[in-house]
Amino acid sequence: MKRHWYHNRGAAYFGKKDYDKAIADFEATLKINPDYAEAKKGIEIVQKAKTEAAENFVKSGNAHYEKKDYDKAIADYTEAIKLNPRYAEAYFYRGVAYHDKKDYDKAIAEYTEAIKLNPRADVAYHNRGDAYFQKKDYDKAIVDFTEVIKVNPRFVWAFILRGVAYCYKKDFDKSIADFTEAIRLNPQEAAAYSGRGWAYYDKKDFDKAIADCTEAIRLNSRDIASYYNRGDSYLEKKDYNKAIADFEAALKIDPNNAEAKEALEKAKQARGN
């Protein structure tokens, strides 16, 4: 009789969507009678329902995320994790939502959990690297981008972002090597040329900087950083007219860009008017 009592209570819990209590009662039934087929089937049904419910919360969270309602998205991902604490994607997506809220510490914690559950999650490493990058922790960012590349050697943006991190650390040779590999993998990626142009500028190789920035602008005519860096390179070469033209082009894209305004005035003064 006790066997039936556990089984029936488990079925009632299942009806209330209290999946953990339902499973506990079906398992208690099986301790009394290990061959009780209905209890075994009950566990299978409940586990399937838990999985589907968790997936539905993630789908709902993704819908909220697309609407930029990050708090509701996070709430849904949290419910998914409650149902399935080993749901790597739920941790990842919750990390993305925190990332977009600029709560980088929480984002890092979520990506870390996703990586524990799926060590080959290259996008989780990439996003955690970017979160470290946003915190200006370039060393940890580089470690994560390196892990991305180990998992997926064709991940172009891992090379680009690692290149940028190396630039901030003033390790320009490593930076240039990463941007060059990104270009090899995708010769149409403007950001790779832009980044390499920046690195060449900081190495004072102004001709190479100009060549790369020019290619970046050809691929993306609104690449304000490349106009600025090319303008600075022309300024260093005392080609003031071309420098002025580039700073003016940058200001057409972003009229409030303080750096471009300051550089434009500097170039005009150097030219003599």
C-alpha atoms as a PDB file:
ATOM      1  CA  MET A   1       0.000   0.000   0.000  1.00  0.00           C
ATOM      2  CA  LYS A   2       2.819   2.393   0.875  1.00  0.00           C
ATOM      3  CA  ARG A   3       4.215   1.846  -2.624  1.00  0.00           C
ATOM      4  CA  HIS A   4       0.975   3.124  -4.154  1.00  0.00           C
ATOM      5  CA  TRP A   5       0.884   6.044  -1.742  1.00  0.00           C
ATOM      6  CA  TYR A   6       4.306   7.279  -2.885  1.00  0.00           C
ATOM      7  CA  HIS A   7       3.402   6.677  -6.514  1.00  0.00           C
ATOM      8  CA  ASN A   8       0.108   8.546  -6.277  1.00  0.00           C
ATOM      9  CA  ARG A   9       1.668  11.474  -4.441  1.00  0.00           C
ATOM     10  CA  GLY A  10       4.400  11.593  -7.075  1.00  0.00           C
ATOM     11  CA  ALA A  11       1.741  11.798  -9.775  1.00  0.00           C
ATOM     12  CA  ALA A  12       0.058  14.637  -7.865  1.00  0.00           C
ATOM     13  CA  TYR A  13       3.337  16.545  -7.590  1.00  0.00           C
ATOM     14  CA  PHE A  14       3.876  16.043 -11.303  1.00  0.00           C
ATOM     15  CA  GLY A  15       0.445  17.553 -11.973  1.00  0.00           C
ATOM     16  CA  LYS A  16       1.536  20.613  -9.944  1.00  0.00           C
ATOM     17  CA  LYS A  17       4.822  20.743 -11.955  1.00  0.00           C
ATOM     18  CA  ASP A  18       6.788  20.124  -8.773  1.00  0.00           C
ATOM     19  CA  TYR A  19       9.145  17.873 -10.677  1.00  0.00           C
ATOM     20  CA  ASP A  20      11.772  17.252  -8.005  1.00  0.00           C
ATOM     21  CA  LYS A  21       9.232  16.105  -5.427  1.00  0.00           C
ATOM     22  CA  ALA A  22       7.552  13.931  -8.058  1.00  0.00           C
ATOM     23  CA  ILE A  23      10.854  12.221  -8.876  1.00  0.00           C
ATOM     24  CA  ALA A  24      11.624  11.780  -5.177  1.00  0.00           C
ATOM     25  CA  ASP A  25       8.314   9.969  -4.641  1.00  0.00           C
ATOM     26  CA  PHE A  26       8.725   7.763  -7.699  1.00  0.00           C
ATOM     27  CA  GLU A  27      12.221   6.866  -6.485  1.00  0.00           C
ATOM     28  CA  ALA A  28      10.807   6.084  -3.041  1.00  0.00           C
ATOM     29  CA  THR A  29       8.309   3.774  -4.759  1.00  0.00           C
ATOM     30  CA  LEU A  30      11.160   1.947  -6.488  1.00  0.00           C
ATOM     31  CA  LYS A  31      13.004   1.458  -3.203  1.00  0.00           C
ATOM     32  CA  ILE A  32       9.987  -0.478  -1.994  1.00  0.00           C
ATOM     33  CA  ASN A  33       9.502  -2.320  -5.289  1.00  0.00           C
ATOM     34  CA  PRO A  34      12.444  -1.962  -7.738  1.00  0.00           C
ATOM     35  CA  ASP A  35      10.409  -3.619 -10.508  1.00  0.00           C
ATOM     36  CA  TYR A  36       7.428  -1.276 -10.345  1.00  0.00           C
ATOM     37  CA  ALA A  37       7.166  -0.305 -14.041  1.00  0.00           C
ATOM     38  CA  GLU A  38       4.790   2.617 -13.562  1.00  0.00           C
ATOM     39  CA  ALA A  39       7.252   4.337 -11.212  1.00  0.00           C
ATOM     40  CA  LYS A  40      10.110   3.873 -13.683  1.00  0.00           C
ATOM     41  CA  LYS A  41       7.942   5.284 -16.456  1.00  0.00           C
ATOM     42  CA  GLY A  42       6.888   8.132 -14.153  1.00  0.00           C
ATOM     43  CA  ILE A  43      10.533   9.156 -13.610  1.00  0.00           C
ATOM     44  CA  GLU A  44      11.167   9.141 -17.362  1.00  0.00           C
ATOM     45  CA  ILE A  45       8.084  11.275 -17.997  1.00  0.00           C
ATOM     46  CA  VAL A  46       8.969  13.774 -15.266  1.00  0.00           C
ATOM     47  CA  GLN A  47      12.584  14.085 -16.395  1.00  0.00           C
ATOM     48  CA  LYS A  48      11.447  14.708 -19.965  1.00  0.00           C
ATOM     49  CA  ALA A  49       8.957  17.322 -18.732  1.00  0.00           C
ATOM     50  CA  LYS A  50      11.699  19.028 -16.687  1.00  0.00           C
ATOM     51  CA  THR A  51      13.958  19.170 -19.723  1.00  0.00           C
ATOM     52  CA  GLU A  52      11.211  20.591 -21.922  1.00  0.00           C
ATOM     53  CA  ALA A  53      10.219  23.139 -19.283  1.00  0.00           C
ATOM     54  CA  ALA A  54      13.841  24.287 -18.939  1.00  0.00           C
ATOM     55  CA  GLU A  55      14.135  24.601 -22.722  1.00  0.00           C
ATOM     56  CA  ASN A  56      10.934  26.636 -22.829  1.00  0.00           C
ATOM     57  CA  PHE A  57      12.275  29.028 -20.188  1.00  0.00           C
ATOM     58  CA  VAL A  58      15.417  29.510 -22.283  1.00  0.00           C
ATOM     59  CA  LYS A  59      13.297  30.194 -25.378  1.00  0.00           C
ATOM     60  CA  SER A  60      11.258  32.701 -23.400  1.00  0.00           C
ATOM     61  CA  GLY A  61      14.439  34.262 -22.048  1.00  0.00           C
ATOM     62  CA  ASN A  62      15.829  34.593 -25.556  1.00  0.00           C
ATOM     63  CA  ALA A  63      12.632  36.326 -26.679  1.00  0.00           C
ATOM     64  CA  HIS A  64      12.925  38.827 -23.820  1.00  0.00           C
ATOM     65  CA  TYR A  65      16.608  39.292 -24.638  1.00  0.00           C
ATOM     66  CA  GLU A  66      15.811  40.147 -28.260  1.00  0.00           C
ATOM     67  CA  LYS A  67      13.527  42.875 -26.946  1.00  0.00           C
ATOM     68  CA  LYS A  68      16.408  44.079 -24.720  1.00  0.00           C
ATOM     69  CA  ASP A  69      14.380  43.254 -21.616  1.00  0.00           C
ATOM     70  CA  TYR A  70      17.421  41.814 -19.893  1.00  0.00           C
ATOM     71  CA  ASP A  71      15.935  41.512 -16.408  1.00  0.00           C
ATOM     72  CA  LYS A  72      13.057  39.330 -17.619  1.00  0.00           C
ATOM     73  CA  ALA A  73      15.490  37.323 -19.724  1.00  0.00           C
ATOM     74  CA  ILE A  74      17.693  36.725 -16.677  1.00  0.00           C
ATOM     75  CA  ALA A  75      14.652  35.657 -14.633  1.00  0.00           C
ATOM     76  CA  ASP A  76      13.725  33.073 -17.271  1.00  0.00           C
ATOM     77  CA  TYR A  77      17.264  31.715 -17.572  1.00  0.00           C
ATOM     78  CA  THR A  78      17.333  31.426 -13.788  1.00  0.00           C
ATOM     79  CA  GLU A  79      14.180  29.319 -13.851  1.00  0.00           C
ATOM     80  CA  ALA A  80      15.740  27.093 -16.495  1.00  0.00           C
ATOM     81  CA  ILE A  81      18.799  26.590 -14.288  1.00  0.00           C
ATOM     82  CA  LYS A  82      16.613  25.714 -11.307  1.00  0.00           C
ATOM     83  CA  LEU A  83      15.047  22.968 -13.400  1.00  0.00           C
ATOM     84  CA  ASN A  84      18.355  21.810 -14.847  1.00  0.00           C
ATOM     85  CA  PRO A  85      21.454  22.971 -12.933  1.00  0.00           C
ATOM     86  CA  ARG A  86      23.661  21.423 -15.640  1.00  0.00           C
ATOM     87  CA  TYR A  87      22.099  23.389 -18.496  1.00  0.00           C
ATOM     88  CA  ALA A  88      25.234  25.027 -19.951  1.00  0.00           C
ATOM     89  CA  GLU A  89      23.337  27.143 -22.483  1.00  0.00           C
ATOM     90  CA  ALA A  90      21.172  28.700 -19.776  1.00  0.00           C
ATOM     91  CA  TYR A  91      24.265  29.867 -17.891  1.00  0.00           C
ATOM     92  CA  PHE A  92      25.763  31.146 -21.149  1.00  0.00           C
ATOM     93  CA  TYR A  93      22.672  33.121 -22.131  1.00  0.00           C
ATOM     94  CA  ARG A  94      22.303  34.521 -18.624  1.00  0.00           C
ATOM     95  CA  GLY A  95      25.923  35.621 -18.951  1.00  0.00           C
ATOM     96  CA  VAL A  96      25.151  37.349 -22.242  1.00  0.00           C
ATOM     97  CA  ALA A  97      22.274  39.242 -20.631  1.00  0.00           C
ATOM     98  CA  TYR A  98      24.492  40.375 -17.738  1.00  0.00           C
ATOM     99  CA  HIS A  99      27.168  41.267 -20.315  1.00  0.00           C
ATOM    100  CA  ASP A 100      24.775  43.571 -22.142  1.00  0.00           C
ATOM    101  CA  LYS A 101      23.799  45.131 -18.810  1.00  0.00           C
ATOM    102  CA  LYS A 102      27.549  45.817 -18.373  1.00  0.00           C
ATOM    103  CA  ASP A 103      27.580  43.720 -15.214  1.00  0.00           C
ATOM    104  CA  TYR A 104      30.829  42.092 -16.242  1.00  0.00           C
ATOM    105  CA  ASP A 105      31.565  40.309 -12.968  1.00  0.00           C
ATOM    106  CA  LYS A 106      28.264  38.440 -13.074  1.00  0.00           C
ATOM    107  CA  ALA A 107      28.728  37.754 -16.773  1.00  0.00           C
ATOM    108  CA  ILE A 108      32.156  36.252 -16.075  1.00  0.00           C
ATOM    109  CA  ALA A 109      30.697  34.018 -13.351  1.00  0.00           C
ATOM    110  CA  GLU A 110      28.011  32.724 -15.733  1.00  0.00           C
ATOM    111  CA  TYR A 111      30.453  32.087 -18.593  1.00  0.00           C
ATOM    112  CA  THR A 112      32.742  30.277 -16.156  1.00  0.00           C
ATOM    113  CA  GLU A 113      29.913  27.939 -15.159  1.00  0.00           C
ATOM    114  CA  ALA A 114      29.050  27.327 -18.805  1.00  0.00           C
ATOM    115  CA  ILE A 115      32.697  26.469 -19.515  1.00  0.00           C
ATOM    116  CA  LYS A 116      32.804  24.039 -16.571  1.00  0.00           C
ATOM    117  CA  LEU A 117      29.834  22.210 -18.055  1.00  0.00           C
ATOM    118  CA  ASN A 118      31.141  22.413 -21.631  1.00  0.00           C
ATOM    119  CA  PRO A 119      34.931  22.948 -21.755  1.00  0.00           C
ATOM    120  CA  ARG A 120      34.870  23.196 -25.564  1.00  0.00           C
ATOM    121  CA  ALA A 121      32.426  26.102 -25.562  1.00  0.00           C
ATOM    122  CA  ASP A 122      34.512  28.468 -27.682  1.00  0.00           C
ATOM    123  CA  VAL A 123      31.899  31.240 -27.645  1.00  0.00           C
ATOM    124  CA  ALA A 124      31.765  31.151 -23.831  1.00  0.00           C
ATOM    125  CA  TYR A 125      35.552  31.590 -23.677  1.00  0.00           C
ATOM    126  CA  HIS A 126      35.263  34.386 -26.253  1.00  0.00           C
ATOM    127  CA  ASN A 127      32.568  36.223 -24.313  1.00  0.00           C
ATOM    128  CA  ARG A 128      34.371  35.804 -20.999  1.00  0.00           C
ATOM    129  CA  GLY A 129      37.501  37.154 -22.667  1.00  0.00           C
ATOM    130  CA  ASP A 130      35.540  40.159 -23.865  1.00  0.00           C
ATOM    131  CA  ALA A 131      34.124  40.718 -20.356  1.00  0.00           C
ATOM    132  CA  TYR A 132      37.670  40.680 -18.951  1.00  0.00           C
ATOM    133  CA  PHE A 133      38.676  43.029 -21.771  1.00  0.00           C
ATOM    134  CA  GLN A 134      35.903  45.466 -20.820  1.00  0.00           C
ATOM    135  CA  LYS A 135      37.275  45.392 -17.266  1.00  0.00           C
ATOM    136  CA  LYS A 136      40.720  46.196 -18.721  1.00  0.00           C
ATOM    137  CA  ASP A 137      42.056  42.893 -17.418  1.00  0.00           C
ATOM    138  CA  TYR A 138      43.980  42.275 -20.622  1.00  0.00           C
ATOM    139  CA  ASP A 139      46.036  39.356 -19.331  1.00  0.00           C
ATOM    140  CA  LYS A 140      42.955  37.288 -18.472  1.00  0.00           C
ATOM    141  CA  ALA A 141      41.339  38.361 -21.728  1.00  0.00           C
ATOM    142  CA  ILE A 142      44.352  37.092 -23.668  1.00  0.00           C
ATOM    143  CA  VAL A 143      44.227  33.755 -21.815  1.00  0.00           C
ATOM    144  CA  ASP A 144      40.567  33.290 -22.794  1.00  0.00           C
ATOM    145  CA  PHE A 145      41.040  34.330 -26.419  1.00  0.00           C
ATOM    146  CA  THR A 146      43.911  31.868 -26.583  1.00  0.00           C
ATOM    147  CA  GLU A 147      41.597  29.119 -25.326  1.00  0.00           C
ATOM    148  CA  VAL A 148      39.092  30.046 -28.030  1.00  0.00           C
ATOM    149  CA  ILE A 149      41.796  29.645 -30.659  1.00  0.00           C
ATOM    150  CA  LYS A 150      42.802  26.240 -29.241  1.00  0.00           C
ATOM    151  CA  VAL A 151      39.215  25.041 -29.546  1.00  0.00           C
ATOM    152  CA  ASN A 152      38.514  26.784 -32.855  1.00  0.00           C
ATOM    153  CA  PRO A 153      41.626  27.942 -34.753  1.00  0.00           C
ATOM    154  CA  ARG A 154      39.442  29.678 -37.343  1.00  0.00           C
ATOM    155  CA  PHE A 155      37.637  31.980 -34.882  1.00  0.00           C
ATOM    156  CA  VAL A 156      38.537  35.292 -36.541  1.00  0.00           C
ATOM    157  CA  TRP A 157      37.327  37.588 -33.774  1.00  0.00           C
ATOM    158  CA  ALA A 158      39.374  35.764 -31.150  1.00  0.00           C
ATOM    159  CA  PHE A 159      42.501  36.778 -33.090  1.00  0.00           C
ATOM    160  CA  ILE A 160      41.215  40.334 -33.523  1.00  0.00           C
ATOM    161  CA  LEU A 161      40.353  40.867 -29.873  1.00  0.00           C
ATOM    162  CA  ARG A 162      43.550  39.210 -28.680  1.00  0.00           C
ATOM    163  CA  GLY A 163      45.387  41.526 -31.063  1.00  0.00           C
ATOM    164  CA  VAL A 164      43.657  44.538 -29.530  1.00  0.00           C
ATOM    165  CA  ALA A 165      44.508  43.307 -26.022  1.00  0.00           C
ATOM    166  CA  TYR A 166      48.158  42.934 -27.033  1.00  0.00           C
ATOM    167  CA  CYS A 167      48.027  46.486 -28.419  1.00  0.00           C
ATOM    168  CA  TYR A 168      46.869  47.834 -25.061  1.00  0.00           C
ATOM    169  CA  LYS A 169      49.752  45.938 -23.459  1.00  0.00           C
ATOM    170  CA  LYS A 170      52.057  47.549 -26.071  1.00  0.00           C
ATOM    171  CA  ASP A 171      53.128  44.156 -27.365  1.00  0.00           C
ATOM    172  CA  PHE A 172      52.806  45.325 -30.941  1.00  0.00           C
ATOM    173  CA  ASP A 173      54.575  42.439 -32.655  1.00  0.00           C
ATOM    174  CA  LYS A 174      52.174  39.878 -31.155  1.00  0.00           C
ATOM    175  CA  SER A 175      49.311  42.217 -31.944  1.00  0.00           C
ATOM    176  CA  ILE A 176      50.336  42.490 -35.597  1.00  0.00           C
ATOM    177  CA  ALA A 177      50.733  38.699 -35.813  1.00  0.00           C
ATOM    178  CA  ASP A 178      47.151  38.212 -34.565  1.00  0.00           C
ATOM    179  CA  PHE A 179      45.648  40.783 -36.921  1.00  0.00           C
ATOM    180  CA  THR A 180      47.601  39.253 -39.799  1.00  0.00           C
ATOM    181  CA  GLU A 181      46.201  35.800 -39.005  1.00  0.00           C
ATOM    182  CA  ALA A 182      42.684  37.262 -38.824  1.00  0.00           C
ATOM    183  CA  ILE A 183      43.216  38.787 -42.280  1.00  0.00           C
ATOM    184  CA  ARG A 184      44.453  35.453 -43.611  1.00  0.00           C
ATOM    185  CA  LEU A 185      41.308  33.777 -42.305  1.00  0.00           C
ATOM    186  CA  ASN A 186      38.999  36.526 -43.569  1.00  0.00           C
ATOM    187  CA  PRO A 187      40.516  39.075 -45.971  1.00  0.00           C
ATOM    188  CA  GLN A 188      37.220  41.013 -45.950  1.00  0.00           C
ATOM    189  CA  GLU A 189      37.232  41.787 -42.209  1.00  0.00           C
ATOM    190  CA  ALA A 190      37.765  45.542 -41.905  1.00  0.00           C
ATOM    191  CA  ALA A 191      38.410  45.404 -38.147  1.00  0.00           C
ATOM    192  CA  ALA A 192      41.514  43.278 -38.664  1.00  0.00           C
ATOM    193  CA  TYR A 193      43.077  45.837 -41.031  1.00  0.00           C
ATOM    194  CA  SER A 194      42.018  48.668 -38.714  1.00  0.00           C
ATOM    195  CA  GLY A 195      43.618  46.982 -35.717  1.00  0.00           C
ATOM    196  CA  ARG A 196      46.831  46.206 -37.552  1.00  0.00           C
ATOM    197  CA  GLY A 197      46.956  49.800 -38.787  1.00  0.00           C
ATOM    198  CA  TRP A 198      46.698  50.975 -35.183  1.00  0.00           C
ATOM    199  CA  ALA A 199      49.546  48.640 -34.155  1.00  0.00           C
ATOM    200  CA  TYR A 200      51.755  49.833 -37.027  1.00  0.00           C
ATOM    201  CA  TYR A 201      51.017  53.440 -36.047  1.00  0.00           C
ATOM    202  CA  ASP A 202      52.138  52.770 -32.483  1.00  0.00           C
ATOM    203  CA  LYS A 203      55.310  51.174 -33.874  1.00  0.00           C
ATOM    204  CA  LYS A 204      55.787  54.393 -35.882  1.00  0.00           C
ATOM    205  CA  ASP A 205      55.620  52.489 -39.160  1.00  0.00           C
ATOM    206  CA  PHE A 206      53.351  55.131 -40.645  1.00  0.00           C
ATOM    207  CA  ASP A 207      53.375  53.917 -44.245  1.00  0.00           C
ATOM    208  CA  LYS A 208      52.128  50.468 -43.242  1.00  0.00           C
ATOM    209  CA  ALA A 209      49.615  52.087 -40.897  1.00  0.00           C
ATOM    210  CA  ILE A 210      48.259  54.195 -43.773  1.00  0.00           C
ATOM    211  CA  ALA A 211      48.037  51.173 -46.075  1.00  0.00           C
ATOM    212  CA  ASP A 212      46.078  49.113 -43.536  1.00  0.00           C
ATOM    213  CA  CYS A 213      43.756  51.944 -42.546  1.00  0.00           C
ATOM    214  CA  THR A 214      43.064  52.625 -46.221  1.00  0.00           C
ATOM    215  CA  GLU A 215      42.055  48.994 -46.728  1.00  0.00           C
ATOM    216  CA  ALA A 216      39.880  49.087 -43.614  1.00  0.00           C
ATOM    217  CA  ILE A 217      38.101  52.190 -44.935  1.00  0.00           C
ATOM    218  CA  ARG A 218      37.620  50.541 -48.334  1.00  0.00           C
ATOM    219  CA  LEU A 219      35.886  47.651 -46.593  1.00  0.00           C
ATOM    220  CA  ASN A 220      33.971  49.830 -44.123  1.00  0.00           C
ATOM    221  CA  SER A 221      33.552  53.465 -45.105  1.00  0.00           C
ATOM    222  CA  ARG A 222      32.271  54.341 -41.609  1.00  0.00           C
ATOM    223  CA  ASP A 223      35.330  53.029 -39.763  1.00  0.00           C
ATOM    224  CA  ILE A 224      36.007  56.165 -37.745  1.00  0.00           C
ATOM    225  CA  ALA A 225      39.042  54.673 -35.981  1.00  0.00           C
ATOM    226  CA  SER A 226      40.781  54.071 -39.302  1.00  0.00           C
ATOM    227  CA  TYR A 227      40.143  57.628 -40.496  1.00  0.00           C
ATOM    228  CA  TYR A 228      41.547  58.893 -37.211  1.00  0.00           C
ATOM    229  CA  ASN A 229      44.611  56.621 -37.211  1.00  0.00           C
ATOM    230  CA  ARG A 230      45.323  57.287 -40.869  1.00  0.00           C
ATOM    231  CA  GLY A 231      44.983  61.016 -40.208  1.00  0.00           C
ATOM    232  CA  ASP A 232      47.413  60.728 -37.321  1.00  0.00           C
ATOM    233  CA  SER A 233      49.841  58.827 -39.560  1.00  0.00           C
ATOM    234  CA  TYR A 234      49.642  61.534 -42.217  1.00  0.00           C
ATOM    235  CA  LEU A 235      50.162  64.122 -39.501  1.00  0.00           C
ATOM    236  CA  GLU A 236      53.352  62.367 -38.374  1.00  0.00           C
ATOM    237  CA  LYS A 237      54.540  62.394 -42.010  1.00  0.00           C
ATOM    238  CA  LYS A 238      53.689  66.141 -42.174  1.00  0.00           C
ATOM    239  CA  ASP A 239      51.162  65.522 -44.939  1.00  0.00           C
ATOM    240  CA  TYR A 240      48.793  68.007 -43.356  1.00  0.00           C
ATOM    241  CA  ASN A 241      46.165  68.224 -46.102  1.00  0.00           C
ATOM    242  CA  LYS A 242      45.552  64.470 -46.075  1.00  0.00           C
ATOM    243  CA  ALA A 243      45.523  64.462 -42.288  1.00  0.00           C
ATOM    244  CA  ILE A 244      42.914  67.230 -42.242  1.00  0.00           C
ATOM    245  CA  ALA A 245      40.797  65.394 -44.815  1.00  0.00           C
ATOM    246  CA  ASP A 246      40.798  62.251 -42.658  1.00  0.00           C
ATOM    247  CA  PHE A 247      39.929  64.057 -39.432  1.00  0.00           C
ATOM    248  CA  GLU A 248      37.105  65.869 -41.245  1.00  0.00           C
ATOM    249  CA  ALA A 249      35.861  62.527 -42.586  1.00  0.00           C
ATOM    250  CA  ALA A 250      35.888  61.140 -39.041  1.00  0.00           C
ATOM    251  CA  LEU A 251      33.835  64.124 -37.844  1.00  0.00           C
ATOM    252  CA  LYS A 252      31.272  63.598 -40.584  1.00  0.00           C
ATOM    253  CA  ILE A 253      30.659  60.164 -39.085  1.00  0.00           C
ATOM    254  CA  ASP A 254      30.723  61.417 -35.491  1.00  0.00           C
ATOM    255  CA  PRO A 255      30.496  65.227 -35.237  1.00  0.00           C
ATOM    256  CA  ASN A 256      31.004  65.072 -31.468  1.00  0.00           C
ATOM    257  CA  ASN A 257      34.206  63.038 -31.514  1.00  0.00           C
ATOM    258  CA  ALA A 258      36.506  65.024 -29.214  1.00  0.00           C
ATOM    259  CA  GLU A 259      39.717  63.296 -30.319  1.00  0.00           C
ATOM    260  CA  ALA A 260      39.037  63.988 -33.994  1.00  0.00           C
ATOM    261  CA  LYS A 261      38.192  67.638 -33.230  1.00  0.00           C
ATOM    262  CA  GLU A 262      41.417  68.087 -31.287  1.00  0.00           C
ATOM    263  CA  ALA A 263      43.471  66.337 -33.979  1.00  0.00           C
ATOM    264  CA  LEU A 264      41.872  68.463 -36.715  1.00  0.00           C
ATOM    265  CA  GLU A 265      42.834  71.677 -34.914  1.00  0.00           C
ATOM    266  CA  LYS A 266      46.347  70.358 -34.372  1.00  0.00           C
ATOM    267  CA  ALA A 267      46.704  69.507 -38.071  1.00  0.00           C
ATOM    268  CA  LYS A 268      45.402  72.945 -39.149  1.00  0.00           C
ATOM    269  CA  GLN A 269      47.801  74.693 -36.800  1.00  0.00           C
ATOM    270  CA  ALA A 270      50.693  72.591 -38.087  1.00  0.00           C
ATOM    271  CA  ARG A 271      49.742  73.452 -41.664  1.00  0.00           C
ATOM    272  CA  GLY A 272      49.666  77.123 -40.780  1.00  0.00           C
ATOM    273  CA  ASN A 273      45.995  78.086 -40.887  1.00  0.00           C
END
